[in-house]
C-alpha atoms as a PDB file:
ATOM      1  CA  MET A   1      73.850  20.304  25.202  1.00  0.00           C
ATOM      2  CA  ALA A   2      74.265  17.266  22.923  1.00  0.00           C
ATOM      3  CA  PRO A   3      73.400  13.917  24.595  1.00  0.00           C
ATOM      4  CA  HIS A   4      76.871  12.475  24.040  1.00  0.00           C
ATOM      5  CA  ARG A   5      78.535  15.534  25.617  1.00  0.00           C
ATOM      6  CA  PHE A   6      76.212  15.341  28.616  1.00  0.00           C
ATOM      7  CA  THR A   7      76.957  11.654  29.035  1.00  0.00           C
ATOM      8  CA  PHE A   8      80.705  12.320  28.841  1.00  0.00           C
ATOM      9  CA  LEU A   9      80.476  15.109  31.428  1.00  0.00           C
ATOM     10  CA  LEU A  10      78.426  12.906  33.748  1.00  0.00           C
ATOM     11  CA  LEU A  11      80.957  10.090  33.466  1.00  0.00           C
ATOM     12  CA  CYS A  12      83.789  12.497  34.277  1.00  0.00           C
ATOM     13  CA  LEU A  13      82.006  13.734  37.364  1.00  0.00           C
ATOM     14  CA  VAL A  14      81.277  10.212  38.566  1.00  0.00           C
ATOM     15  CA  ALA A  15      84.872   9.136  37.911  1.00  0.00           C
ATOM     16  CA  SER A  16      86.177  12.131  39.828  1.00  0.00           C
ATOM     17  CA  ALA A  17      83.883  11.458  42.763  1.00  0.00           C
ATOM     18  CA  PHE A  18      84.978   7.843  43.059  1.00  0.00           C
ATOM     19  CA  ALA A  19      88.615   8.152  41.987  1.00  0.00           C
ATOM     20  CA  PHE A  20      89.897   8.157  45.551  1.00  0.00           C
ATOM     21  CA  PRO A  21      87.422   6.338  47.790  1.00  0.00           C
ATOM     22  CA  GLY A  22      88.056   5.827  51.472  1.00  0.00           C
ATOM     23  CA  GLY A  23      88.543   9.357  52.666  1.00  0.00           C
ATOM     24  CA  LYS A  24      87.640  10.115  56.257  1.00  0.00           C
ATOM     25  CA  LEU A  25      86.788  13.609  57.436  1.00  0.00           C
ATOM     26  CA  ILE A  26      88.762  14.648  60.518  1.00  0.00           C
ATOM     27  CA  GLN A  27      86.564  15.710  63.412  1.00  0.00           C
ATOM     28  CA  ALA A  28      87.926  17.669  66.364  1.00  0.00           C
ATOM     29  CA  PRO A  29      87.224  15.471  69.410  1.00  0.00           C
ATOM     30  CA  PRO A  30      85.550  16.918  72.514  1.00  0.00           C
ATOM     31  CA  LYS A  31      87.771  18.240  75.260  1.00  0.00           C
ATOM     32  CA  GLN A  32      88.333  16.195  78.401  1.00  0.00           C
ATOM     33  CA  ALA A  33      85.572  16.666  80.962  1.00  0.00           C
ATOM     34  CA  TYR A  34      88.036  16.128  83.835  1.00  0.00           C
ATOM     35  CA  THR A  35      91.544  17.581  83.645  1.00  0.00           C
ATOM     36  CA  GLY A  36      92.872  16.878  87.132  1.00  0.00           C
ATOM     37  CA  ILE A  37      95.212  14.292  88.545  1.00  0.00           C
ATOM     38  CA  LYS A  38      94.387  10.685  87.764  1.00  0.00           C
ATOM     39  CA  GLN A  39      96.119   7.328  88.150  1.00  0.00           C
ATOM     40  CA  ILE A  40      97.355   5.998  84.820  1.00  0.00           C
ATOM     41  CA  PRO A  41      96.798   3.373  83.572  1.00  0.00           C
ATOM     42  CA  ASP A  42      93.309   2.452  84.671  1.00  0.00           C
ATOM     43  CA  LYS A  43      91.927  -1.087  84.605  1.00  0.00           C
ATOM     44  CA  LYS A  44      90.715  -0.681  81.038  1.00  0.00           C
ATOM     45  CA  HIS A  45      94.249  -0.080  79.788  1.00  0.00           C
ATOM     46  CA  PRO A  46      96.567  -2.890  80.906  1.00  0.00           C
ATOM     47  CA  TYR A  47     100.039  -3.208  79.483  1.00  0.00           C
ATOM     48  CA  LYS A  48     100.418  -5.570  76.553  1.00  0.00           C
ATOM     49  CA  ALA A  49     103.722  -5.969  74.745  1.00  0.00           C
ATOM     50  CA  PRO A  50     103.531  -5.054  71.062  1.00  0.00           C
ATOM     51  CA  GLY A  51     103.248  -7.914  68.604  1.00  0.00           C
ATOM     52  CA  PRO A  52     105.601  -8.462  65.671  1.00  0.00           C
ATOM     53  CA  ASN A  53     103.369  -6.497  63.308  1.00  0.00           C
ATOM     54  CA  ASP A  54     102.555  -3.623  65.678  1.00  0.00           C
ATOM     55  CA  LEU A  55     104.210  -0.330  64.793  1.00  0.00           C
ATOM     56  CA  ARG A  56     106.329   1.537  67.308  1.00  0.00           C
ATOM     57  CA  GLY A  57     108.598   4.529  66.824  1.00  0.00           C
ATOM     58  CA  PRO A  58     111.047   6.950  68.393  1.00  0.00           C
ATOM     59  CA  CYS A  59     108.669   8.525  70.938  1.00  0.00           C
ATOM     60  CA  PRO A  60     108.587   6.602  74.244  1.00  0.00           C
ATOM     61  CA  GLY A  61     105.433   8.453  75.294  1.00  0.00           C
ATOM     62  CA  LEU A  62     103.434   7.422  72.221  1.00  0.00           C
ATOM     63  CA  ASN A  63     104.826   3.885  72.401  1.00  0.00           C
ATOM     64  CA  THR A  64     103.762   3.630  76.035  1.00  0.00           C
ATOM     65  CA  LEU A  65     100.278   4.904  75.229  1.00  0.00           C
ATOM     66  CA  ALA A  66      99.975   2.284  72.465  1.00  0.00           C
ATOM     67  CA  ASN A  67     101.233  -0.515  74.722  1.00  0.00           C
ATOM     68  CA  HIS A  68      98.413   0.333  77.136  1.00  0.00           C
ATOM     69  CA  GLY A  69      95.740   0.760  74.483  1.00  0.00           C
ATOM     70  CA  TYR A  70      95.250   4.504  74.899  1.00  0.00           C
ATOM     71  CA  LEU A  71      96.390   4.596  71.273  1.00  0.00           C
ATOM     72  CA  PRO A  72      95.511   1.721  68.935  1.00  0.00           C
ATOM     73  CA  ARG A  73      97.830  -1.130  69.807  1.00  0.00           C
ATOM     74  CA  ASN A  74      98.744  -1.685  66.158  1.00  0.00           C
ATOM     75  CA  GLY A  75     100.381   1.756  66.109  1.00  0.00           C
ATOM     76  CA  ILE A  76      98.134   3.260  63.444  1.00  0.00           C
ATOM     77  CA  ALA A  77      96.360   6.306  64.838  1.00  0.00           C
ATOM     78  CA  THR A  78      93.967   9.019  63.733  1.00  0.00           C
ATOM     79  CA  PHE A  79      94.087  12.678  64.636  1.00  0.00           C
ATOM     80  CA  GLU A  80      91.342  12.075  67.176  1.00  0.00           C
ATOM     81  CA  ASP A  81      93.180   9.056  68.638  1.00  0.00           C
ATOM     82  CA  ILE A  82      96.302  11.104  69.341  1.00  0.00           C
ATOM     83  CA  VAL A  83      94.487  14.074  70.872  1.00  0.00           C
ATOM     84  CA  ASN A  84      92.446  11.819  73.149  1.00  0.00           C
ATOM     85  CA  ALA A  85      95.374   9.600  74.136  1.00  0.00           C
ATOM     86  CA  VAL A  86      97.868  12.304  75.110  1.00  0.00           C
ATOM     87  CA  GLY A  87      95.102  14.179  76.911  1.00  0.00           C
ATOM     88  CA  GLU A  88      93.955  11.164  78.899  1.00  0.00           C
ATOM     89  CA  GLY A  89      97.363   9.612  79.499  1.00  0.00           C
ATOM     90  CA  PHE A  90      99.553  12.671  80.097  1.00  0.00           C
ATOM     91  CA  ASN A  91      97.004  15.477  80.633  1.00  0.00           C
ATOM     92  CA  MET A  92      98.295  17.437  77.663  1.00  0.00           C
ATOM     93  CA  GLU A  93      96.319  20.627  77.071  1.00  0.00           C
ATOM     94  CA  TYR A  94      93.883  20.445  74.164  1.00  0.00           C
ATOM     95  CA  THR A  95      95.405  23.078  71.833  1.00  0.00           C
ATOM     96  CA  LEU A  96      98.931  21.686  72.224  1.00  0.00           C
ATOM     97  CA  ALA A  97      97.699  18.114  71.773  1.00  0.00           C
ATOM     98  CA  SER A  98      95.752  19.081  68.656  1.00  0.00           C
ATOM     99  CA  ALA A  99      98.690  20.903  67.057  1.00  0.00           C
ATOM    100  CA  LEU A 100     101.073  17.999  67.687  1.00  0.00           C
ATOM    101  CA  ALA A 101      98.530  15.554  66.265  1.00  0.00           C
ATOM    102  CA  ALA A 102      98.178  17.790  63.209  1.00  0.00           C
ATOM    103  CA  PHE A 103     101.954  17.827  62.721  1.00  0.00           C
ATOM    104  CA  GLY A 104     101.853  14.031  62.996  1.00  0.00           C
ATOM    105  CA  LEU A 105      99.313  13.699  60.199  1.00  0.00           C
ATOM    106  CA  ALA A 106     101.796  15.496  57.937  1.00  0.00           C
ATOM    107  CA  ARG A 107     103.811  12.268  58.181  1.00  0.00           C
ATOM    108  CA  GLY A 108     100.764  10.127  57.506  1.00  0.00           C
ATOM    109  CA  ASN A 109      97.746  10.168  55.215  1.00  0.00           C
ATOM    110  CA  ALA A 110      95.563  13.230  55.741  1.00  0.00           C
ATOM    111  CA  PHE A 111      92.970  11.776  53.336  1.00  0.00           C
ATOM    112  CA  THR A 112      92.304   8.601  55.344  1.00  0.00           C
ATOM    113  CA  ASN A 113      93.172  10.333  58.646  1.00  0.00           C
ATOM    114  CA  GLN A 114      95.876   7.837  59.585  1.00  0.00           C
ATOM    115  CA  VAL A 115      99.489   7.978  60.699  1.00  0.00           C
ATOM    116  CA  SER A 116     101.973   5.351  61.807  1.00  0.00           C
ATOM    117  CA  ILE A 117     103.632   6.122  65.137  1.00  0.00           C
ATOM    118  CA  GLY A 118     106.478   4.018  63.771  1.00  0.00           C
ATOM    119  CA  GLY A 119     108.024   3.716  60.344  1.00  0.00           C
ATOM    120  CA  PRO A 120     106.746   3.240  56.790  1.00  0.00           C
ATOM    121  CA  THR A 121     103.845   0.836  56.400  1.00  0.00           C
ATOM    122  CA  ASP A 122     101.629  -0.606  53.686  1.00  0.00           C
ATOM    123  CA  LYS A 123      98.800  -0.708  56.231  1.00  0.00           C
ATOM    124  CA  ILE A 124      98.148   2.948  55.379  1.00  0.00           C
ATOM    125  CA  PRO A 125      97.716   3.796  51.700  1.00  0.00           C
ATOM    126  CA  PRO A 126      99.689   6.659  50.192  1.00  0.00           C
ATOM    127  CA  LEU A 127      97.931   9.936  49.521  1.00  0.00           C
ATOM    128  CA  PRO A 128      95.779  10.077  46.374  1.00  0.00           C
ATOM    129  CA  GLY A 129      97.948  10.280  43.305  1.00  0.00           C
ATOM    130  CA  ASN A 130     101.015   9.442  45.423  1.00  0.00           C
ATOM    131  CA  ILE A 131     101.532  13.194  45.786  1.00  0.00           C
ATOM    132  CA  ASP A 132     103.759  12.706  48.843  1.00  0.00           C
ATOM    133  CA  GLY A 133     105.454   9.538  47.656  1.00  0.00           C
ATOM    134  CA  ASN A 134     104.302   5.992  47.020  1.00  0.00           C
ATOM    135  CA  VAL A 135     104.715   4.889  50.656  1.00  0.00           C
ATOM    136  CA  THR A 136     103.246   6.410  53.818  1.00  0.00           C
ATOM    137  CA  LYS A 137     106.357   6.920  55.909  1.00  0.00           C
ATOM    138  CA  GLY A 138     105.307   7.397  59.539  1.00  0.00           C
ATOM    139  CA  LEU A 139     106.634   9.400  62.481  1.00  0.00           C
ATOM    140  CA  ALA A 140     109.884   7.429  62.635  1.00  0.00           C
ATOM    141  CA  THR A 141     111.006   8.561  59.185  1.00  0.00           C
ATOM    142  CA  HIS A 142     113.952  10.932  59.402  1.00  0.00           C
ATOM    143  CA  GLY A 143     113.304  14.517  58.441  1.00  0.00           C
ATOM    144  CA  ARG A 144     110.331  16.839  58.800  1.00  0.00           C
ATOM    145  CA  PHE A 145     109.860  16.210  62.534  1.00  0.00           C
ATOM    146  CA  GLU A 146     112.037  13.239  63.558  1.00  0.00           C
ATOM    147  CA  GLY A 147     115.566  14.557  63.624  1.00  0.00           C
ATOM    148  CA  ASP A 148     119.091  14.665  64.956  1.00  0.00           C
ATOM    149  CA  VAL A 149     120.347  15.329  68.504  1.00  0.00           C
ATOM    150  CA  SER A 150     117.736  13.148  70.169  1.00  0.00           C
ATOM    151  CA  MET A 151     118.252  12.333  73.823  1.00  0.00           C
ATOM    152  CA  THR A 152     118.364   8.548  73.567  1.00  0.00           C
ATOM    153  CA  ARG A 153     118.547   7.753  69.819  1.00  0.00           C
ATOM    154  CA  ARG A 154     121.481   8.072  67.458  1.00  0.00           C
ATOM    155  CA  ASP A 155     121.505  10.554  64.604  1.00  0.00           C
ATOM    156  CA  ALA A 156     120.188   9.010  61.403  1.00  0.00           C
ATOM    157  CA  ALA A 157     123.509   9.261  59.547  1.00  0.00           C
ATOM    158  CA  VAL A 158     125.519   7.461  62.227  1.00  0.00           C
ATOM    159  CA  GLY A 159     123.200   4.898  63.809  1.00  0.00           C
ATOM    160  CA  ASP A 160     119.698   3.801  64.759  1.00  0.00           C
ATOM    161  CA  ASN A 161     117.482   6.875  64.955  1.00  0.00           C
ATOM    162  CA  VAL A 162     114.338   4.956  65.958  1.00  0.00           C
ATOM    163  CA  HIS A 163     115.166   2.689  68.894  1.00  0.00           C
ATOM    164  CA  LEU A 164     116.560   3.546  72.299  1.00  0.00           C
ATOM    165  CA  ASP A 165     120.346   3.344  72.424  1.00  0.00           C
ATOM    166  CA  PRO A 166     121.440   1.710  75.714  1.00  0.00           C
ATOM    167  CA  ALA A 167     124.689   3.690  75.882  1.00  0.00           C
ATOM    168  CA  LEU A 168     122.906   7.021  75.468  1.00  0.00           C
ATOM    169  CA  PHE A 169     120.301   6.091  78.038  1.00  0.00           C
ATOM    170  CA  GLN A 170     123.069   5.136  80.464  1.00  0.00           C
ATOM    171  CA  GLN A 171     124.674   8.519  79.796  1.00  0.00           C
ATOM    172  CA  PHE A 172     121.357  10.099  80.776  1.00  0.00           C
ATOM    173  CA  LEU A 173     121.303   8.078  84.013  1.00  0.00           C
ATOM    174  CA  ASP A 174     124.935   8.978  84.716  1.00  0.00           C
ATOM    175  CA  ASN A 175     124.040  12.657  84.548  1.00  0.00           C
ATOM    176  CA  VAL A 176     121.214  12.091  87.001  1.00  0.00           C
ATOM    177  CA  ALA A 177     123.641  10.262  89.279  1.00  0.00           C
ATOM    178  CA  GLN A 178     125.933  13.299  89.160  1.00  0.00           C
ATOM    179  CA  TYR A 179     123.491  16.216  89.054  1.00  0.00           C
ATOM    180  CA  GLY A 180     120.182  14.766  90.196  1.00  0.00           C
ATOM    181  CA  ASN A 181     118.235  15.378  93.373  1.00  0.00           C
ATOM    182  CA  ASP A 182     117.693  13.103  96.338  1.00  0.00           C
ATOM    183  CA  SER A 183     114.437  11.415  97.290  1.00  0.00           C
ATOM    184  CA  ASP A 184     113.272   9.835 100.525  1.00  0.00           C
ATOM    185  CA  VAL A 185     111.390   7.286  98.413  1.00  0.00           C
ATOM    186  CA  THR A 186     113.756   6.397  95.579  1.00  0.00           C
ATOM    187  CA  GLY A 187     117.076   7.289  97.180  1.00  0.00           C
ATOM    188  CA  PRO A 188     119.959   9.722  96.682  1.00  0.00           C
ATOM    189  CA  LYS A 189     120.580  11.183  93.233  1.00  0.00           C
ATOM    190  CA  SER A 190     117.515   9.410  91.845  1.00  0.00           C
ATOM    191  CA  VAL A 191     115.444  12.401  90.728  1.00  0.00           C
ATOM    192  CA  VAL A 192     115.924  14.011  87.311  1.00  0.00           C
ATOM    193  CA  SER A 193     116.754  17.660  87.967  1.00  0.00           C
ATOM    194  CA  TYR A 194     116.923  20.493  85.466  1.00  0.00           C
ATOM    195  CA  LYS A 195     120.687  20.534  85.999  1.00  0.00           C
ATOM    196  CA  ALA A 196     120.952  16.877  84.990  1.00  0.00           C
ATOM    197  CA  MET A 197     118.872  17.508  81.863  1.00  0.00           C
ATOM    198  CA  GLN A 198     120.809  20.656  80.990  1.00  0.00           C
ATOM    199  CA  GLU A 199     124.146  18.869  81.079  1.00  0.00           C
ATOM    200  CA  PHE A 200     122.902  15.794  79.257  1.00  0.00           C
ATOM    201  CA  LYS A 201     121.315  17.794  76.441  1.00  0.00           C
ATOM    202  CA  TYR A 202     124.484  19.837  76.009  1.00  0.00           C
ATOM    203  CA  GLN A 203     126.582  16.680  75.829  1.00  0.00           C
ATOM    204  CA  ARG A 204     124.279  15.303  73.132  1.00  0.00           C
ATOM    205  CA  TYR A 205     124.655  18.500  71.129  1.00  0.00           C
ATOM    206  CA  LEU A 206     128.443  18.478  71.347  1.00  0.00           C
ATOM    207  CA  ASP A 207     128.543  14.799  70.390  1.00  0.00           C
ATOM    208  CA  SER A 208     126.418  15.312  67.262  1.00  0.00           C
ATOM    209  CA  VAL A 209     128.381  18.361  66.124  1.00  0.00           C
ATOM    210  CA  ALA A 210     131.655  16.463  66.554  1.00  0.00           C
ATOM    211  CA  ASN A 211     130.657  13.044  65.220  1.00  0.00           C
ATOM    212  CA  ASP A 212     127.793  13.380  62.740  1.00  0.00           C
ATOM    213  CA  PRO A 213     129.136  14.663  59.409  1.00  0.00           C
ATOM    214  CA  ALA A 214     125.583  14.881  58.046  1.00  0.00           C
ATOM    215  CA  LEU A 215     124.096  16.687  61.048  1.00  0.00           C
ATOM    216  CA  VAL A 216     120.961  18.679  60.206  1.00  0.00           C
ATOM    217  CA  TYR A 217     119.855  20.789  63.149  1.00  0.00           C
ATOM    218  CA  HIS A 218     117.876  23.717  61.821  1.00  0.00           C
ATOM    219  CA  PHE A 219     115.833  25.960  64.096  1.00  0.00           C
ATOM    220  CA  GLY A 220     112.659  23.868  64.077  1.00  0.00           C
ATOM    221  CA  ARG A 221     114.468  20.638  64.916  1.00  0.00           C
ATOM    222  CA  PHE A 222     116.651  22.506  67.406  1.00  0.00           C
ATOM    223  CA  VAL A 223     113.565  23.619  69.356  1.00  0.00           C
ATOM    224  CA  LEU A 224     111.898  20.213  69.039  1.00  0.00           C
ATOM    225  CA  SER A 225     114.963  18.503  70.481  1.00  0.00           C
ATOM    226  CA  TYR A 226     114.847  20.738  73.539  1.00  0.00           C
ATOM    227  CA  GLY A 227     111.107  20.192  73.548  1.00  0.00           C
ATOM    228  CA  GLU A 228     111.785  16.468  74.043  1.00  0.00           C
ATOM    229  CA  ALA A 229     113.624  17.335  77.237  1.00  0.00           C
ATOM    230  CA  SER A 230     110.827  19.608  78.425  1.00  0.00           C
ATOM    231  CA  PHE A 231     108.191  16.991  77.619  1.00  0.00           C
ATOM    232  CA  THR A 232     110.131  14.390  79.575  1.00  0.00           C
ATOM    233  CA  LEU A 233     110.448  16.613  82.623  1.00  0.00           C
ATOM    234  CA  ASN A 234     106.871  17.880  82.584  1.00  0.00           C
ATOM    235  CA  PHE A 235     104.792  14.950  81.335  1.00  0.00           C
ATOM    236  CA  PHE A 236     106.661  11.913  82.678  1.00  0.00           C
ATOM    237  CA  ALA A 237     106.940  13.148  86.268  1.00  0.00           C
ATOM    238  CA  ASN A 238     104.526  11.525  88.729  1.00  0.00           C
ATOM    239  CA  GLY A 239     101.608  13.877  89.296  1.00  0.00           C
ATOM    240  CA  THR A 240     101.449  13.029  92.996  1.00  0.00           C
ATOM    241  CA  ASP A 241     104.664  14.905  93.752  1.00  0.00           C
ATOM    242  CA  ASN A 242     105.808  16.242  90.337  1.00  0.00           C
ATOM    243  CA  VAL A 243     108.975  14.178  90.682  1.00  0.00           C
ATOM    244  CA  LEU A 244     110.586  12.354  87.768  1.00  0.00           C
ATOM    245  CA  SER A 245     112.572   9.473  89.195  1.00  0.00           C
ATOM    246  CA  THR A 246     115.038   7.219  87.436  1.00  0.00           C
ATOM    247  CA  ASN A 247     112.599   4.362  88.097  1.00  0.00           C
ATOM    248  CA  THR A 248     110.000   6.166  86.005  1.00  0.00           C
ATOM    249  CA  LEU A 249     112.574   6.938  83.317  1.00  0.00           C
ATOM    250  CA  LYS A 250     113.491   3.265  83.060  1.00  0.00           C
ATOM    251  CA  SER A 251     109.851   2.221  82.930  1.00  0.00           C
ATOM    252  CA  ILE A 252     108.815   4.600  80.149  1.00  0.00           C
ATOM    253  CA  PHE A 253     112.039   4.751  78.121  1.00  0.00           C
ATOM    254  CA  GLN A 254     113.207   1.143  78.429  1.00  0.00           C
ATOM    255  CA  LYS A 255     110.068  -0.909  79.092  1.00  0.00           C
ATOM    256  CA  GLN A 256     107.616   1.544  77.503  1.00  0.00           C
ATOM    257  CA  THR A 257     105.033   1.027  80.184  1.00  0.00           C
ATOM    258  CA  PHE A 258     103.665   3.241  82.945  1.00  0.00           C
ATOM    259  CA  PRO A 259     105.312   2.511  86.308  1.00  0.00           C
ATOM    260  CA  PRO A 260     103.286   1.344  89.312  1.00  0.00           C
ATOM    261  CA  ASN A 261     101.296   4.011  91.169  1.00  0.00           C
ATOM    262  CA  TRP A 262     101.944   6.597  88.482  1.00  0.00           C
ATOM    263  CA  HIS A 263      99.584   9.549  88.104  1.00  0.00           C
ATOM    264  CA  ARG A 264      99.345  12.027  85.271  1.00  0.00           C
ATOM    265  CA  ARG A 265     100.058  15.664  86.057  1.00  0.00           C
ATOM    266  CA  GLY A 266      97.425  17.561  88.045  1.00  0.00           C
ATOM    267  CA  THR A 267      96.864  20.384  85.522  1.00  0.00           C
ATOM    268  CA  PRO A 268      96.887  20.342  81.723  1.00  0.00           C
ATOM    269  CA  GLY A 269     100.358  20.921  80.302  1.00  0.00           C
ATOM    270  CA  ASP A 270     100.258  23.593  77.598  1.00  0.00           C
ATOM    271  CA  PHE A 271     102.567  25.277  75.105  1.00  0.00           C
ATOM    272  CA  THR A 272     103.744  27.848  77.659  1.00  0.00           C
ATOM    273  CA  LEU A 273     104.762  25.091  80.071  1.00  0.00           C
ATOM    274  CA  ILE A 274     106.805  23.351  77.388  1.00  0.00           C
ATOM    275  CA  ALA A 275     108.334  26.621  76.158  1.00  0.00           C
ATOM    276  CA  ASP A 276     109.400  27.521  79.704  1.00  0.00           C
ATOM    277  CA  GLY A 277     111.006  24.105  80.045  1.00  0.00           C
ATOM    278  CA  VAL A 278     112.819  24.520  76.729  1.00  0.00           C
ATOM    279  CA  ASN A 279     114.227  27.862  77.849  1.00  0.00           C
ATOM    280  CA  ASN A 280     115.240  26.477  81.230  1.00  0.00           C
ATOM    281  CA  VAL A 281     117.166  23.575  79.713  1.00  0.00           C
ATOM    282  CA  TYR A 282     118.719  25.642  76.932  1.00  0.00           C
ATOM    283  CA  ASN A 283     119.775  28.704  78.934  1.00  0.00           C
ATOM    284  CA  ALA A 284     122.427  26.750  80.820  1.00  0.00           C
ATOM    285  CA  HIS A 285     124.492  26.435  77.614  1.00  0.00           C
ATOM    286  CA  THR A 286     123.558  29.091  75.107  1.00  0.00           C
ATOM    287  CA  ASP A 287     126.514  28.311  72.849  1.00  0.00           C
ATOM    288  CA  ALA A 288     124.437  25.419  71.491  1.00  0.00           C
ATOM    289  CA  ILE A 289     122.953  26.833  68.292  1.00  0.00           C
ATOM    290  CA  PRO A 290     121.040  25.603  65.226  1.00  0.00           C
ATOM    291  CA  GLY A 291     122.970  24.717  62.092  1.00  0.00           C
ATOM    292  CA  VAL A 292     124.328  21.946  59.862  1.00  0.00           C
ATOM    293  CA  ASN A 293     127.588  20.133  59.326  1.00  0.00           C
ATOM    294  CA  VAL A 294     128.976  20.771  55.838  1.00  0.00           C
ATOM    295  CA  ASN A 295     132.299  19.336  54.643  1.00  0.00           C
ATOM    296  CA  GLY A 296     133.454  18.710  58.184  1.00  0.00           C
ATOM    297  CA  ALA A 297     132.529  22.115  59.556  1.00  0.00           C
ATOM    298  CA  PHE A 298     129.508  23.281  61.524  1.00  0.00           C
ATOM    299  CA  VAL A 299     127.653  26.077  59.724  1.00  0.00           C
ATOM    300  CA  PRO A 300     125.343  28.048  62.044  1.00  0.00           C
ATOM    301  CA  ASP A 301     121.865  29.089  60.957  1.00  0.00           C
ATOM    302  CA  PRO A 302     121.007  32.792  60.854  1.00  0.00           C
ATOM    303  CA  PRO A 303     119.902  33.915  64.337  1.00  0.00           C
ATOM    304  CA  GLN A 304     116.243  33.139  65.028  1.00  0.00           C
ATOM    305  CA  THR A 305     114.427  33.212  68.334  1.00  0.00           C
ATOM    306  CA  THR A 306     110.736  33.914  67.721  1.00  0.00           C
ATOM    307  CA  ASN A 307     107.670  31.678  67.785  1.00  0.00           C
ATOM    308  CA  CYS A 308     106.868  32.896  64.273  1.00  0.00           C
ATOM    309  CA  GLY A 309     110.258  31.653  63.111  1.00  0.00           C
ATOM    310  CA  LEU A 310     109.455  28.290  64.660  1.00  0.00           C
ATOM    311  CA  TYR A 311     106.086  28.270  62.898  1.00  0.00           C
ATOM    312  CA  LEU A 312     107.706  29.024  59.545  1.00  0.00           C
ATOM    313  CA  ASP A 313     110.292  26.279  59.950  1.00  0.00           C
ATOM    314  CA  LEU A 314     107.954  23.563  61.220  1.00  0.00           C
ATOM    315  CA  GLY A 315     104.524  24.512  59.920  1.00  0.00           C
ATOM    316  CA  VAL A 316     105.530  25.957  56.555  1.00  0.00           C
ATOM    317  CA  ASN A 317     108.915  24.610  55.399  1.00  0.00           C
ATOM    318  CA  ASN A 318     108.404  21.046  56.668  1.00  0.00           C
ATOM    319  CA  ILE A 319     104.893  20.377  55.358  1.00  0.00           C
ATOM    320  CA  PRO A 320     104.678  19.496  51.644  1.00  0.00           C
ATOM    321  CA  ALA A 321     103.299  22.213  49.394  1.00  0.00           C
ATOM    322  CA  VAL A 322     101.428  19.640  47.282  1.00  0.00           C
ATOM    323  CA  LEU A 323      98.864  19.315  50.067  1.00  0.00           C
ATOM    324  CA  VAL A 324      97.547  22.778  49.249  1.00  0.00           C
ATOM    325  CA  ASN A 325      96.396  21.982  45.702  1.00  0.00           C
ATOM    326  CA  THR A 326      93.894  19.308  46.660  1.00  0.00           C
ATOM    327  CA  THR A 327      90.127  18.902  46.599  1.00  0.00           C
ATOM    328  CA  GLY A 328      87.254  17.243  48.438  1.00  0.00           C
ATOM    329  CA  ILE A 329      87.820  15.488  51.752  1.00  0.00           C
ATOM    330  CA  LEU A 330      91.590  15.776  51.447  1.00  0.00           C
ATOM    331  CA  LYS A 331      91.413  19.547  51.087  1.00  0.00           C
ATOM    332  CA  LYS A 332      89.006  19.838  54.017  1.00  0.00           C
ATOM    333  CA  ASN A 333      91.328  17.758  56.179  1.00  0.00           C
ATOM    334  CA  VAL A 334      94.436  19.658  55.075  1.00  0.00           C
ATOM    335  CA  ASP A 335      92.747  22.988  55.794  1.00  0.00           C
ATOM    336  CA  PHE A 336      91.721  21.713  59.227  1.00  0.00           C
ATOM    337  CA  LEU A 337      95.243  20.510  60.036  1.00  0.00           C
ATOM    338  CA  LEU A 338      96.932  23.711  58.849  1.00  0.00           C
ATOM    339  CA  ASP A 339      94.504  25.838  60.848  1.00  0.00           C
ATOM    340  CA  THR A 340      95.058  23.642  63.913  1.00  0.00           C
ATOM    341  CA  ILE A 341      98.835  24.045  63.670  1.00  0.00           C
ATOM    342  CA  HIS A 342      98.556  27.796  63.160  1.00  0.00           C
ATOM    343  CA  THR A 343      96.345  28.150  66.250  1.00  0.00           C
ATOM    344  CA  LEU A 344      99.346  27.245  68.397  1.00  0.00           C
ATOM    345  CA  PHE A 345     101.330  30.147  66.936  1.00  0.00           C
ATOM    346  CA  VAL A 346      98.790  32.977  66.883  1.00  0.00           C
ATOM    347  CA  PRO A 347      99.356  35.947  66.264  1.00  0.00           C
ATOM    348  CA  CYS A 348     101.877  34.818  63.628  1.00  0.00           C
ATOM    349  CA  GLU A 349     100.610  35.320  60.076  1.00  0.00           C
ATOM    350  CA  PHE A 350      99.025  32.199  58.565  1.00  0.00           C
ATOM    351  CA  THR A 351     101.232  30.901  55.752  1.00  0.00           C
ATOM    352  CA  LEU A 352     100.670  28.032  53.337  1.00  0.00           C
ATOM    353  CA  PRO A 353     103.243  25.207  53.397  1.00  0.00           C
ATOM    354  CA  VAL A 354     106.112  25.179  50.910  1.00  0.00           C
ATOM    355  CA  GLY A 355     107.862  21.956  51.893  1.00  0.00           C
ATOM    356  CA  GLU A 356     109.207  19.254  49.603  1.00  0.00           C
ATOM    357  CA  ALA A 357     107.099  16.162  48.881  1.00  0.00           C
ATOM    358  CA  GLY A 358     108.263  12.569  49.075  1.00  0.00           C
ATOM    359  CA  VAL A 359     110.969  13.088  51.696  1.00  0.00           C
END
């Protein structure tokens, strides 16, 4: 080989190696050694209100974990941070926690292993080559996983889809006051029952169909929205008695802090637990169906009920296809994240993502 050609090749290799510095290989964290009941927070995790530059988003659980330092208080988290935080704080089972963290990184930077639990931020660089846009958008960005028919946030086309809406939260409390259970500790109609959640979720669905002309409620988002209800019922209840009181609701949803004498659940909450909760909430009103509003009319999606359909909608259609054609640390991290998501949906066939970039 001629010396000048060798020199050129060497320079190309060096340039390629250093073109995108700063990558961080994702490492699966160890599982919790103890997975029983535990008082949360402990003394190492006191509440501290977020500062003006700290990122917070639409998920009251993640916001609460950040306000107590289980997640980084600035709101910028790694895959490992999320898995550890939801495991320690809420006793979320490892496979479920890992898959949700992997979904989260699809809204962040899989190269640097960072995601904002809030909105877009310049504190996280965009992916190399800006292949998913020139700004890292965060979990609060509408689409992909944040979506319409939230319990306590407005749809993106008609209001604030990030912050708690006081009127919607009061509607939630009103349903508890009508359909909730009694408690010797917190009083009559002060416990969130499945009936209260069933009616509230159905009301939210009807409201969005009637009043959001740009409603997008495809199967993946449809299941996630009922998943929010199941998460609330199963992970926010006090582990001492498995009761979710309105006092706890107000603490986590409004103040975004753990209430006094609160304990995480006594056993790890897994995918089956959440799926059972989704079915329980949904089955009270099965006329709620996935679909979109087009030209003033609701257009239902084709019928879909399987876990594999959910995997295709969330893990294939919502993750940008450009992540597949990558190299080096980014490819290793993408492969890890895709495998982690797929693990939750085995035995569904593994499928590469086909989603749109930059949205």
